[in-house]
PDB file of N, CA and C in Angstrom:
ATOM      1  N   MET A   1     -15.962  16.791  62.858  1.00  0.00           N
ATOM      2  CA  MET A   1     -15.879  16.922  61.637  1.00  0.00           C
ATOM      3  C   MET A   1     -15.860  17.713  60.209  1.00  0.00           C
ATOM      4  N   ASP A   2     -14.569  18.263  60.017  1.00  0.00           N
ATOM      5  CA  ASP A   2     -14.981  19.522  59.370  1.00  0.00           C
ATOM      6  C   ASP A   2     -14.712  19.466  58.336  1.00  0.00           C
ATOM      7  N   PHE A   3     -15.973  20.508  57.663  1.00  0.00           N
ATOM      8  CA  PHE A   3     -15.981  20.412  56.025  1.00  0.00           C
ATOM      9  C   PHE A   3     -15.174  21.458  55.243  1.00  0.00           C
ATOM     10  N   SER A   4     -14.351  21.256  55.627  1.00  0.00           N
ATOM     11  CA  SER A   4     -14.142  23.623  55.164  1.00  0.00           C
ATOM     12  C   SER A   4     -13.546  22.694  53.223  1.00  0.00           C
ATOM     13  N   PHE A   5     -13.917  23.344  52.286  1.00  0.00           N
ATOM     14  CA  PHE A   5     -12.863  23.192  50.632  1.00  0.00           C
ATOM     15  C   PHE A   5     -12.014  25.246  51.141  1.00  0.00           C
ATOM     16  N   GLY A   6     -11.117  24.602  51.086  1.00  0.00           N
ATOM     17  CA  GLY A   6      -9.187  24.633  50.937  1.00  0.00           C
ATOM     18  C   GLY A   6      -8.685  24.469  49.633  1.00  0.00           C
ATOM     19  N   PRO A   7      -7.831  25.113  49.207  1.00  0.00           N
ATOM     20  CA  PRO A   7      -7.632  25.072  47.472  1.00  0.00           C
ATOM     21  C   PRO A   7      -6.943  23.628  47.285  1.00  0.00           C
ATOM     22  N   ASN A   8      -7.340  22.824  48.088  1.00  0.00           N
ATOM     23  CA  ASN A   8      -5.767  21.636  47.967  1.00  0.00           C
ATOM     24  C   ASN A   8      -7.843  20.629  47.172  1.00  0.00           C
ATOM     25  N   VAL A   9      -8.454  21.038  48.207  1.00  0.00           N
ATOM     26  CA  VAL A   9      -9.628  20.484  46.557  1.00  0.00           C
ATOM     27  C   VAL A   9     -10.627  21.056  46.096  1.00  0.00           C
ATOM     28  N   PHE A  10     -10.250  22.210  45.434  1.00  0.00           N
ATOM     29  CA  PHE A  10     -10.477  22.898  44.418  1.00  0.00           C
ATOM     30  C   PHE A  10      -9.460  23.052  43.026  1.00  0.00           C
ATOM     31  N   PHE A  11      -8.231  22.350  43.910  1.00  0.00           N
ATOM     32  CA  PHE A  11      -6.953  21.485  42.803  1.00  0.00           C
ATOM     33  C   PHE A  11      -7.538  20.154  41.913  1.00  0.00           C
ATOM     34  N   THR A  12      -8.109  20.380  43.467  1.00  0.00           N
ATOM     35  CA  THR A  12      -8.337  18.671  42.743  1.00  0.00           C
ATOM     36  C   THR A  12      -9.661  18.201  41.961  1.00  0.00           C
ATOM     37  N   LEU A  13     -10.880  18.968  42.498  1.00  0.00           N
ATOM     38  CA  LEU A  13     -11.837  19.160  41.080  1.00  0.00           C
ATOM     39  C   LEU A  13     -10.987  19.681  40.118  1.00  0.00           C
ATOM     40  N   LEU A  14     -10.646  20.562  39.842  1.00  0.00           N
ATOM     41  CA  LEU A  14      -9.795  20.665  38.568  1.00  0.00           C
ATOM     42  C   LEU A  14      -9.101  20.075  37.800  1.00  0.00           C
ATOM     43  N   LEU A  15      -7.779  18.919  38.175  1.00  0.00           N
ATOM     44  CA  LEU A  15      -7.952  18.617  37.491  1.00  0.00           C
ATOM     45  C   LEU A  15      -9.237  16.913  36.488  1.00  0.00           C
ATOM     46  N   ASP A  16     -10.590  16.641  37.771  1.00  0.00           N
ATOM     47  CA  ASP A  16     -10.874  15.297  37.607  1.00  0.00           C
ATOM     48  C   ASP A  16     -12.082  15.374  36.235  1.00  0.00           C
ATOM     49  N   THR A  17     -11.880  17.083  35.704  1.00  0.00           N
ATOM     50  CA  THR A  17     -12.578  17.111  34.648  1.00  0.00           C
ATOM     51  C   THR A  17     -12.415  16.372  33.669  1.00  0.00           C
ATOM     52  N   ALA A  18     -13.695  16.880  32.861  1.00  0.00           N
ATOM     53  CA  ALA A  18     -13.567  16.276  31.654  1.00  0.00           C
ATOM     54  C   ALA A  18     -12.595  15.601  30.318  1.00  0.00           C
ATOM     55  N   PRO A  19     -12.323  17.205  29.830  1.00  0.00           N
ATOM     56  CA  PRO A  19     -11.824  17.118  29.579  1.00  0.00           C
ATOM     57  C   PRO A  19     -10.112  16.115  29.324  1.00  0.00           C
ATOM     58  N   ALA A  20      -9.847  16.675  29.691  1.00  0.00           N
ATOM     59  CA  ALA A  20      -8.438  15.994  30.804  1.00  0.00           C
ATOM     60  C   ALA A  20      -8.268  14.366  30.599  1.00  0.00           C
ATOM     61  N   ASN A  21      -9.412  13.839  31.040  1.00  0.00           N
ATOM     62  CA  ASN A  21      -8.988  12.897  30.844  1.00  0.00           C
ATOM     63  C   ASN A  21      -9.711  11.845  29.452  1.00  0.00           C
ATOM     64  N   SER A  22     -10.579  12.218  28.653  1.00  0.00           N
ATOM     65  CA  SER A  22     -11.502  12.166  27.759  1.00  0.00           C
ATOM     66  C   SER A  22     -10.108  12.278  26.384  1.00  0.00           C
ATOM     67  N   LEU A  23      -9.235  13.242  26.208  1.00  0.00           N
ATOM     68  CA  LEU A  23      -7.333  13.246  25.607  1.00  0.00           C
ATOM     69  C   LEU A  23      -6.783  11.859  26.788  1.00  0.00           C
ATOM     70  N   LEU A  24      -6.789  12.022  27.328  1.00  0.00           N
ATOM     71  CA  LEU A  24      -6.097  10.465  28.173  1.00  0.00           C
ATOM     72  C   LEU A  24      -6.304   9.183  27.740  1.00  0.00           C
ATOM     73  N   GLY A  25      -7.846   8.962  27.428  1.00  0.00           N
ATOM     74  CA  GLY A  25      -8.485   8.215  26.790  1.00  0.00           C
ATOM     75  C   GLY A  25      -8.489   8.131  25.966  1.00  0.00           C
ATOM     76  N   PHE A  26      -8.122   9.000  24.907  1.00  0.00           N
ATOM     77  CA  PHE A  26      -8.154   8.741  23.132  1.00  0.00           C
ATOM     78  C   PHE A  26      -6.716   8.897  23.246  1.00  0.00           C
ATOM     79  N   LEU A  27      -5.594   9.105  23.312  1.00  0.00           N
ATOM     80  CA  LEU A  27      -4.860   8.954  23.299  1.00  0.00           C
ATOM     81  C   LEU A  27      -3.801   7.246  23.024  1.00  0.00           C
ATOM     82  N   PRO A  28      -4.826   6.033  23.454  1.00  0.00           N
ATOM     83  CA  PRO A  28      -4.391   5.156  22.970  1.00  0.00           C
ATOM     84  C   PRO A  28      -4.482   4.855  21.286  1.00  0.00           C
ATOM     85  N   ILE A  29      -6.225   5.232  21.064  1.00  0.00           N
ATOM     86  CA  ILE A  29      -6.487   4.852  19.818  1.00  0.00           C
ATOM     87  C   ILE A  29      -5.971   5.246  18.460  1.00  0.00           C
ATOM     88  N   ILE A  30      -5.871   6.536  19.023  1.00  0.00           N
ATOM     89  CA  ILE A  30      -4.847   7.662  18.070  1.00  0.00           C
ATOM     90  C   ILE A  30      -3.302   7.471  17.608  1.00  0.00           C
ATOM     91  N   LEU A  31      -3.006   6.872  19.144  1.00  0.00           N
ATOM     92  CA  LEU A  31      -1.786   6.330  19.341  1.00  0.00           C
ATOM     93  C   LEU A  31      -1.373   4.836  17.940  1.00  0.00           C
ATOM     94  N   ILE A  32      -2.760   4.033  18.114  1.00  0.00           N
ATOM     95  CA  ILE A  32      -2.881   2.527  17.361  1.00  0.00           C
ATOM     96  C   ILE A  32      -2.956   2.756  15.346  1.00  0.00           C
ATOM     97  N   PHE A  33      -4.214   4.640  15.591  1.00  0.00           N
ATOM     98  CA  PHE A  33      -4.262   4.536  14.480  1.00  0.00           C
ATOM     99  C   PHE A  33      -2.952   5.395  13.300  1.00  0.00           C
ATOM    100  N   GLY A  34      -1.760   4.995  14.389  1.00  0.00           N
ATOM    101  CA  GLY A  34      -0.847   6.279  14.137  1.00  0.00           C
ATOM    102  C   GLY A  34       0.016   4.897  13.847  1.00  0.00           C
ATOM    103  N   ILE A  35      -0.096   4.399  14.490  1.00  0.00           N
ATOM    104  CA  ILE A  35       1.158   2.934  13.820  1.00  0.00           C
ATOM    105  C   ILE A  35       1.085   2.398  13.267  1.00  0.00           C
ATOM    106  N   PHE A  36      -1.143   2.157  12.764  1.00  0.00           N
ATOM    107  CA  PHE A  36      -0.820   1.228  11.750  1.00  0.00           C
ATOM    108  C   PHE A  36      -0.905   2.321  10.233  1.00  0.00           C
ATOM    109  N   TYR A  37      -1.277   3.321  10.410  1.00  0.00           N
ATOM    110  CA  TYR A  37      -0.780   4.756   9.294  1.00  0.00           C
ATOM    111  C   TYR A  37       0.817   4.422   8.450  1.00  0.00           C
ATOM    112  N   PHE A  38       1.796   4.328   9.336  1.00  0.00           N
ATOM    113  CA  PHE A  38       3.096   4.689   9.261  1.00  0.00           C
ATOM    114  C   PHE A  38       3.233   2.845   9.030  1.00  0.00           C
ATOM    115  N   LEU A  39       2.586   1.388   8.693  1.00  0.00           N
ATOM    116  CA  LEU A  39       3.418   0.216   9.631  1.00  0.00           C
ATOM    117  C   LEU A  39       3.054  -0.785   8.379  1.00  0.00           C
ATOM    118  N   LEU A  40       1.018   0.358   8.049  1.00  0.00           N
ATOM    119  CA  LEU A  40       0.955  -0.919   6.624  1.00  0.00           C
ATOM    120  C   LEU A  40      -0.221   0.387   5.803  1.00  0.00           C
ATOM    121  N   PHE A  41      -0.649   1.466   5.983  1.00  0.00           N
ATOM    122  CA  PHE A  41      -0.773   1.634   4.598  1.00  0.00           C
ATOM    123  C   PHE A  41      -0.020   2.591   4.346  1.00  0.00           C
ATOM    124  N   LEU A  42       1.240   3.509   4.449  1.00  0.00           N
ATOM    125  CA  LEU A  42       1.799   4.041   3.758  1.00  0.00           C
ATOM    126  C   LEU A  42       2.896   2.839   2.751  1.00  0.00           C
ATOM    127  N   PRO A  43       3.341   1.726   3.204  1.00  0.00           N
ATOM    128  CA  PRO A  43       4.179   0.712   2.726  1.00  0.00           C
ATOM    129  C   PRO A  43       2.770  -0.039   1.135  1.00  0.00           C
ATOM    130  N   MET A  44       1.312   0.083   1.728  1.00  0.00           N
ATOM    131  CA  MET A  44       0.487  -0.441   0.620  1.00  0.00           C
ATOM    132  C   MET A  44       1.146   0.569  -0.803  1.00  0.00           C
ATOM    133  N   GLN A  45       0.718   1.320  -0.037  1.00  0.00           N
ATOM    134  CA  GLN A  45       0.857   3.468  -0.833  1.00  0.00           C
ATOM    135  C   GLN A  45       1.764   3.214  -1.446  1.00  0.00           C
ATOM    136  N   ARG A  46       3.386   3.443  -1.536  1.00  0.00           N
ATOM    137  CA  ARG A  46       3.674   3.367  -2.930  1.00  0.00           C
ATOM    138  C   ARG A  46       4.590   1.930  -3.320  1.00  0.00           C
ATOM    139  N   GLN A  47       3.688   1.101  -2.302  1.00  0.00           N
ATOM    140  CA  GLN A  47       3.537  -0.451  -3.213  1.00  0.00           C
ATOM    141  C   GLN A  47       2.801  -0.335  -4.847  1.00  0.00           C
ATOM    142  N   ARG A  48       1.367   0.394  -4.143  1.00  0.00           N
ATOM    143  CA  ARG A  48       0.139   0.576  -5.658  1.00  0.00           C
ATOM    144  C   ARG A  48       0.549   2.001  -6.719  1.00  0.00           C
ATOM    145  N   ARG A  49       1.468   3.394  -6.006  1.00  0.00           N
ATOM    146  CA  ARG A  49       1.988   4.018  -6.734  1.00  0.00           C
ATOM    147  C   ARG A  49       3.370   3.225  -7.216  1.00  0.00           C
ATOM    148  N   GLN A  50       4.339   2.924  -7.409  1.00  0.00           N
ATOM    149  CA  GLN A  50       5.383   1.344  -8.066  1.00  0.00           C
ATOM    150  C   GLN A  50       4.899   0.947  -8.830  1.00  0.00           C
ATOM    151  N   THR A  51       3.585  -0.213  -8.598  1.00  0.00           N
ATOM    152  CA  THR A  51       2.996  -0.985  -9.648  1.00  0.00           C
ATOM    153  C   THR A  51       2.374   0.546 -10.936  1.00  0.00           C
ATOM    154  N   GLN A  52       1.474   1.189  -9.833  1.00  0.00           N
ATOM    155  CA  GLN A  52       1.455   1.345 -11.673  1.00  0.00           C
ATOM    156  C   GLN A  52       1.669   2.550 -12.141  1.00  0.00           C
ATOM    157  N   LYS A  53       3.059   3.296 -12.000  1.00  0.00           N
ATOM    158  CA  LYS A  53       4.584   3.139 -12.403  1.00  0.00           C
ATOM    159  C   LYS A  53       4.606   2.601 -13.484  1.00  0.00           C
ATOM    160  N   MET A  54       5.123   1.323 -12.680  1.00  0.00           N
ATOM    161  CA  MET A  54       5.779   0.435 -13.253  1.00  0.00           C
ATOM    162  C   MET A  54       5.267  -0.552 -14.946  1.00  0.00           C
ATOM    163  N   LEU A  55       3.575  -0.746 -15.074  1.00  0.00           N
ATOM    164  CA  LEU A  55       1.947  -0.490 -15.505  1.00  0.00           C
ATOM    165  C   LEU A  55       2.616   0.559 -16.585  1.00  0.00           C
ATOM    166  N   ALA A  56       2.833   1.496 -16.579  1.00  0.00           N
ATOM    167  CA  ALA A  56       2.466   2.282 -17.131  1.00  0.00           C
ATOM    168  C   ALA A  56       3.586   2.590 -18.398  1.00  0.00           C
ATOM    169  N   GLY A  57       4.147   2.592 -18.198  1.00  0.00           N
ATOM    170  CA  GLY A  57       6.153   2.135 -18.124  1.00  0.00           C
ATOM    171  C   GLY A  57       6.202   0.930 -19.303  1.00  0.00           C
ATOM    172  N   LEU A  58       5.316  -0.034 -19.738  1.00  0.00           N
ATOM    173  CA  LEU A  58       5.344  -1.447 -19.611  1.00  0.00           C
ATOM    174  C   LEU A  58       5.111  -0.847 -21.741  1.00  0.00           C
ATOM    175  N   GLN A  59       6.745  -1.494 -22.612  1.00  0.00           N
ATOM    176  CA  GLN A  59       6.778  -1.624 -24.028  1.00  0.00           C
ATOM    177  C   GLN A  59       7.041  -2.990 -24.566  1.00  0.00           C
ATOM    178  N   ASN A  60       6.654  -2.450 -26.151  1.00  0.00           N
ATOM    179  CA  ASN A  60       7.224  -3.749 -26.455  1.00  0.00           C
ATOM    180  C   ASN A  60       8.735  -4.327 -26.227  1.00  0.00           C
ATOM    181  N   GLY A  61       8.899  -5.923 -26.185  1.00  0.00           N
ATOM    182  CA  GLY A  61       9.972  -6.121 -25.967  1.00  0.00           C
ATOM    183  C   GLY A  61      10.359  -6.434 -24.144  1.00  0.00           C
ATOM    184  N   ASN A  62       9.394  -6.255 -23.890  1.00  0.00           N
ATOM    185  CA  ASN A  62       9.758  -5.980 -22.602  1.00  0.00           C
ATOM    186  C   ASN A  62       9.628  -7.710 -22.390  1.00  0.00           C
ATOM    187  N   THR A  63      10.237  -8.100 -20.643  1.00  0.00           N
ATOM    188  CA  THR A  63       9.744  -9.833 -20.199  1.00  0.00           C
ATOM    189  C   THR A  63       9.182  -9.089 -18.882  1.00  0.00           C
ATOM    190  N   VAL A  64       8.200 -10.232 -19.159  1.00  0.00           N
ATOM    191  CA  VAL A  64       6.896  -9.686 -17.896  1.00  0.00           C
ATOM    192  C   VAL A  64       6.781 -11.019 -17.401  1.00  0.00           C
ATOM    193  N   VAL A  65       5.970 -10.737 -15.555  1.00  0.00           N
ATOM    194  CA  VAL A  65       5.425 -11.995 -15.182  1.00  0.00           C
ATOM    195  C   VAL A  65       4.294 -11.739 -14.857  1.00  0.00           C
ATOM    196  N   THR A  66       3.146 -12.831 -14.839  1.00  0.00           N
ATOM    197  CA  THR A  66       2.032 -12.106 -14.974  1.00  0.00           C
ATOM    198  C   THR A  66       1.503 -12.707 -13.610  1.00  0.00           C
ATOM    199  N   SER A  67       0.424 -12.774 -12.894  1.00  0.00           N
ATOM    200  CA  SER A  67      -0.164 -12.634 -11.611  1.00  0.00           C
ATOM    201  C   SER A  67      -0.363 -14.529 -11.937  1.00  0.00           C
ATOM    202  N   GLY A  68      -0.381 -15.201 -13.197  1.00  0.00           N
ATOM    203  CA  GLY A  68      -0.943 -16.117 -12.898  1.00  0.00           C
ATOM    204  C   GLY A  68       0.612 -17.041 -12.920  1.00  0.00           C
ATOM    205  N   GLY A  69       1.868 -16.356 -13.017  1.00  0.00           N
ATOM    206  CA  GLY A  69       2.663 -17.301 -12.949  1.00  0.00           C
ATOM    207  C   GLY A  69       3.502 -17.199 -15.040  1.00  0.00           C
ATOM    208  N   ILE A  70       2.828 -16.754 -15.985  1.00  0.00           N
ATOM    209  CA  ILE A  70       2.973 -17.090 -17.346  1.00  0.00           C
ATOM    210  C   ILE A  70       4.099 -15.977 -17.542  1.00  0.00           C
ATOM    211  N   VAL A  71       5.890 -15.752 -17.872  1.00  0.00           N
ATOM    212  CA  VAL A  71       6.339 -15.571 -17.636  1.00  0.00           C
ATOM    213  C   VAL A  71       6.544 -15.014 -19.407  1.00  0.00           C
ATOM    214  N   GLY A  72       6.316 -13.991 -20.117  1.00  0.00           N
ATOM    215  CA  GLY A  72       6.525 -14.105 -22.135  1.00  0.00           C
ATOM    216  C   GLY A  72       6.611 -11.980 -22.322  1.00  0.00           C
ATOM    217  N   THR A  73       7.664 -12.167 -23.225  1.00  0.00           N
ATOM    218  CA  THR A  73       7.293 -10.960 -24.210  1.00  0.00           C
ATOM    219  C   THR A  73       7.160 -10.119 -24.616  1.00  0.00           C
ATOM    220  N   ILE A  74       6.308  -8.474 -24.065  1.00  0.00           N
ATOM    221  CA  ILE A  74       5.294  -7.919 -24.832  1.00  0.00           C
ATOM    222  C   ILE A  74       6.454  -7.947 -26.577  1.00  0.00           C
ATOM    223  N   VAL A  75       4.332  -8.570 -27.093  1.00  0.00           N
ATOM    224  CA  VAL A  75       5.201  -8.484 -28.453  1.00  0.00           C
ATOM    225  C   VAL A  75       3.932  -7.007 -29.415  1.00  0.00           C
ATOM    226  N   SER A  76       2.689  -6.487 -28.605  1.00  0.00           N
ATOM    227  CA  SER A  76       2.213  -5.127 -29.105  1.00  0.00           C
ATOM    228  C   SER A  76       1.290  -5.699 -28.160  1.00  0.00           C
ATOM    229  N   ILE A  77       1.255  -3.883 -28.229  1.00  0.00           N
ATOM    230  CA  ILE A  77       0.315  -2.829 -26.921  1.00  0.00           C
ATOM    231  C   ILE A  77      -0.734  -2.673 -27.764  1.00  0.00           C
ATOM    232  N   ASP A  78      -2.135  -3.934 -27.726  1.00  0.00           N
ATOM    233  CA  ASP A  78      -3.633  -3.230 -28.607  1.00  0.00           C
ATOM    234  C   ASP A  78      -4.269  -1.878 -28.116  1.00  0.00           C
ATOM    235  N   SER A  79      -4.565  -2.200 -26.734  1.00  0.00           N
ATOM    236  CA  SER A  79      -5.072  -0.846 -26.400  1.00  0.00           C
ATOM    237  C   SER A  79      -4.654  -0.202 -24.726  1.00  0.00           C
ATOM    238  N   ASP A  80      -5.014   0.633 -23.960  1.00  0.00           N
ATOM    239  CA  ASP A  80      -5.181   1.366 -22.768  1.00  0.00           C
ATOM    240  C   ASP A  80      -5.099  -0.647 -21.485  1.00  0.00           C
ATOM    241  N   ASP A  81      -5.711  -1.687 -22.231  1.00  0.00           N
ATOM    242  CA  ASP A  81      -5.699  -2.069 -20.605  1.00  0.00           C
ATOM    243  C   ASP A  81      -5.355  -3.913 -21.655  1.00  0.00           C
ATOM    244  N   THR A  82      -5.001  -3.968 -22.576  1.00  0.00           N
ATOM    245  CA  THR A  82      -4.887  -5.493 -22.899  1.00  0.00           C
ATOM    246  C   THR A  82      -2.976  -5.692 -23.750  1.00  0.00           C
ATOM    247  N   LEU A  83      -2.611  -6.115 -22.966  1.00  0.00           N
ATOM    248  CA  LEU A  83      -1.305  -6.546 -24.647  1.00  0.00           C
ATOM    249  C   LEU A  83      -1.449  -8.385 -24.842  1.00  0.00           C
ATOM    250  N   VAL A  84      -0.219  -8.182 -25.897  1.00  0.00           N
ATOM    251  CA  VAL A  84       0.002  -9.726 -26.699  1.00  0.00           C
ATOM    252  C   VAL A  84       1.496  -9.801 -25.543  1.00  0.00           C
ATOM    253  N   LEU A  85       1.473 -11.358 -25.832  1.00  0.00           N
ATOM    254  CA  LEU A  85       2.573 -11.654 -24.688  1.00  0.00           C
ATOM    255  C   LEU A  85       2.669 -13.012 -25.825  1.00  0.00           C
ATOM    256  N   ARG A  86       4.452 -13.525 -26.439  1.00  0.00           N
ATOM    257  CA  ARG A  86       4.939 -14.774 -26.410  1.00  0.00           C
ATOM    258  C   ARG A  86       5.127 -14.957 -25.464  1.00  0.00           C
ATOM    259  N   VAL A  87       4.685 -16.143 -25.419  1.00  0.00           N
ATOM    260  CA  VAL A  87       5.443 -17.141 -24.388  1.00  0.00           C
ATOM    261  C   VAL A  87       6.195 -17.971 -25.331  1.00  0.00           C
ATOM    262  N   LYS A  88       7.362 -18.570 -24.764  1.00  0.00           N
ATOM    263  CA  LYS A  88       8.366 -19.544 -24.930  1.00  0.00           C
ATOM    264  C   LYS A  88       7.313 -20.736 -23.860  1.00  0.00           C
ATOM    265  N   PRO A  89       7.524 -22.070 -24.574  1.00  0.00           N
ATOM    266  CA  PRO A  89       9.202 -22.111 -26.123  1.00  0.00           C
ATOM    267  C   PRO A  89       8.683 -22.608 -27.036  1.00  0.00           C
ATOM    268  N   ASP A  90       6.839 -22.175 -27.563  1.00  0.00           N
ATOM    269  CA  ASP A  90       6.420 -22.597 -28.608  1.00  0.00           C
ATOM    270  C   ASP A  90       5.983 -21.229 -28.972  1.00  0.00           C
ATOM    271  N   ASN A  91       6.416 -20.139 -28.620  1.00  0.00           N
ATOM    272  CA  ASN A  91       6.030 -18.257 -28.937  1.00  0.00           C
ATOM    273  C   ASN A  91       5.202 -18.536 -28.965  1.00  0.00           C
ATOM    274  N   ILE A  92       3.964 -19.196 -28.569  1.00  0.00           N
ATOM    275  CA  ILE A  92       2.663 -18.224 -28.202  1.00  0.00           C
ATOM    276  C   ILE A  92       2.081 -17.262 -27.598  1.00  0.00           C
ATOM    277  N   LYS A  93       1.340 -17.156 -29.029  1.00  0.00           N
ATOM    278  CA  LYS A  93       0.667 -15.553 -28.480  1.00  0.00           C
ATOM    279  C   LYS A  93      -0.382 -15.588 -27.656  1.00  0.00           C
ATOM    280  N   ILE A  94      -0.759 -14.700 -26.121  1.00  0.00           N
ATOM    281  CA  ILE A  94      -1.855 -14.787 -25.443  1.00  0.00           C
ATOM    282  C   ILE A  94      -1.928 -13.539 -25.194  1.00  0.00           C
ATOM    283  N   GLN A  95      -3.508 -12.836 -24.880  1.00  0.00           N
ATOM    284  CA  GLN A  95      -3.661 -11.832 -24.614  1.00  0.00           C
ATOM    285  C   GLN A  95      -4.587 -11.742 -23.325  1.00  0.00           C
ATOM    286  N   ILE A  96      -3.735 -10.817 -22.942  1.00  0.00           N
ATOM    287  CA  ILE A  96      -3.853 -10.503 -21.801  1.00  0.00           C
ATOM    288  C   ILE A  96      -4.210  -9.521 -21.107  1.00  0.00           C
ATOM    289  N   ALA A  97      -4.659  -8.904 -19.965  1.00  0.00           N
ATOM    290  CA  ALA A  97      -4.983  -7.940 -19.693  1.00  0.00           C
ATOM    291  C   ALA A  97      -3.820  -6.423 -18.759  1.00  0.00           C
ATOM    292  N   ARG A  98      -3.776  -5.709 -19.097  1.00  0.00           N
ATOM    293  CA  ARG A  98      -2.344  -5.637 -18.720  1.00  0.00           C
ATOM    294  C   ARG A  98      -2.401  -5.569 -17.201  1.00  0.00           C
ATOM    295  N   SER A  99      -3.329  -5.360 -16.410  1.00  0.00           N
ATOM    296  CA  SER A  99      -3.250  -5.314 -15.138  1.00  0.00           C
ATOM    297  C   SER A  99      -3.455  -6.201 -13.668  1.00  0.00           C
ATOM    298  N   ALA A 100      -3.442  -7.410 -15.144  1.00  0.00           N
ATOM    299  CA  ALA A 100      -3.244  -9.079 -15.084  1.00  0.00           C
ATOM    300  C   ALA A 100      -0.558  -9.660 -14.574  1.00  0.00           C
ATOM    301  N   ILE A 101      -0.561  -7.719 -15.445  1.00  0.00           N
ATOM    302  CA  ILE A 101       1.467  -8.186 -15.363  1.00  0.00           C
ATOM    303  C   ILE A 101       1.667  -7.398 -13.044  1.00  0.00           C
ATOM    304  N   SER A 102       2.589  -8.527 -13.471  1.00  0.00           N
ATOM    305  CA  SER A 102       3.032  -8.225 -12.070  1.00  0.00           C
ATOM    306  C   SER A 102       4.188  -8.173 -11.873  1.00  0.00           C
ATOM    307  N   SER A 103       5.271  -7.862 -12.554  1.00  0.00           N
ATOM    308  CA  SER A 103       6.264  -7.646 -12.319  1.00  0.00           C
ATOM    309  C   SER A 103       7.413  -7.647 -14.037  1.00  0.00           C
ATOM    310  N   MET A 104       8.739  -6.825 -13.835  1.00  0.00           N
ATOM    311  CA  MET A 104       9.133  -6.733 -15.035  1.00  0.00           C
ATOM    312  C   MET A 104      10.065  -8.126 -14.703  1.00  0.00           C
ATOM    313  N   VAL A 105      10.977  -8.561 -15.581  1.00  0.00           N
ATOM    314  CA  VAL A 105      11.585  -9.760 -15.857  1.00  0.00           C
ATOM    315  C   VAL A 105      13.548  -8.721 -15.624  1.00  0.00           C
ATOM    316  N   SER A 106      14.894  -8.773 -14.847  1.00  0.00           N
ATOM    317  CA  SER A 106      15.012  -8.339 -15.523  1.00  0.00           C
ATOM    318  C   SER A 106      16.381  -8.843 -16.519  1.00  0.00           C
ATOM    319  N   GLY A 107      17.081  -7.709 -17.623  1.00  0.00           N
ATOM    320  CA  GLY A 107      17.751  -8.912 -18.486  1.00  0.00           C
ATOM    321  C   GLY A 107      19.136  -9.388 -17.462  1.00  0.00           C
ATOM    322  N   GLU A 108      19.104  -8.560 -16.134  1.00  0.00           N
ATOM    323  CA  GLU A 108      20.389  -8.958 -16.707  1.00  0.00           C
ATOM    324  C   GLU A 108      20.855 -10.372 -16.276  1.00  0.00           C
ATOM    325  N   GLY A 109      19.784 -11.201 -15.892  1.00  0.00           N
ATOM    326  CA  GLY A 109      19.938 -12.522 -15.550  1.00  0.00           C
ATOM    327  C   GLY A 109      20.646 -13.568 -16.570  1.00  0.00           C
ATOM    328  N   LYS A 110      20.385 -12.902 -17.931  1.00  0.00           N
ATOM    329  CA  LYS A 110      19.908 -13.687 -19.180  1.00  0.00           C
ATOM    330  C   LYS A 110      21.773 -13.843 -19.853  1.00  0.00           C
ATOM    331  N   LYS A 111      21.926 -14.428 -20.340  1.00  0.00           N
ATOM    332  CA  LYS A 111      23.240 -14.710 -20.864  1.00  0.00           C
ATOM    333  C   LYS A 111      23.503 -14.212 -22.990  1.00  0.00           C
TER     334      LYS A 111
END
């Protein structure tokens, strides 16, 4: 039996060091976080920014849909966080929170 240490043993020990293996071990985890960021978190941030922009731009006369499905026209904006809507067919006025607005109705579908 020959127990001589040659350049191949040194090279093998160099490749078996912990930092290289730990980086390769963390690579799938880092890759999963990257995929989650681009597929989930980034679109959610864009949608939140778009909704905040829409809520900040509400004006009297806009037709909106609430999160409960009520369609109405903004009659007045009482304060920063409440609106008064006129709801058809009886032109009932209701007061709602600004955050309850889910979308604006475009005027293209009306005649």
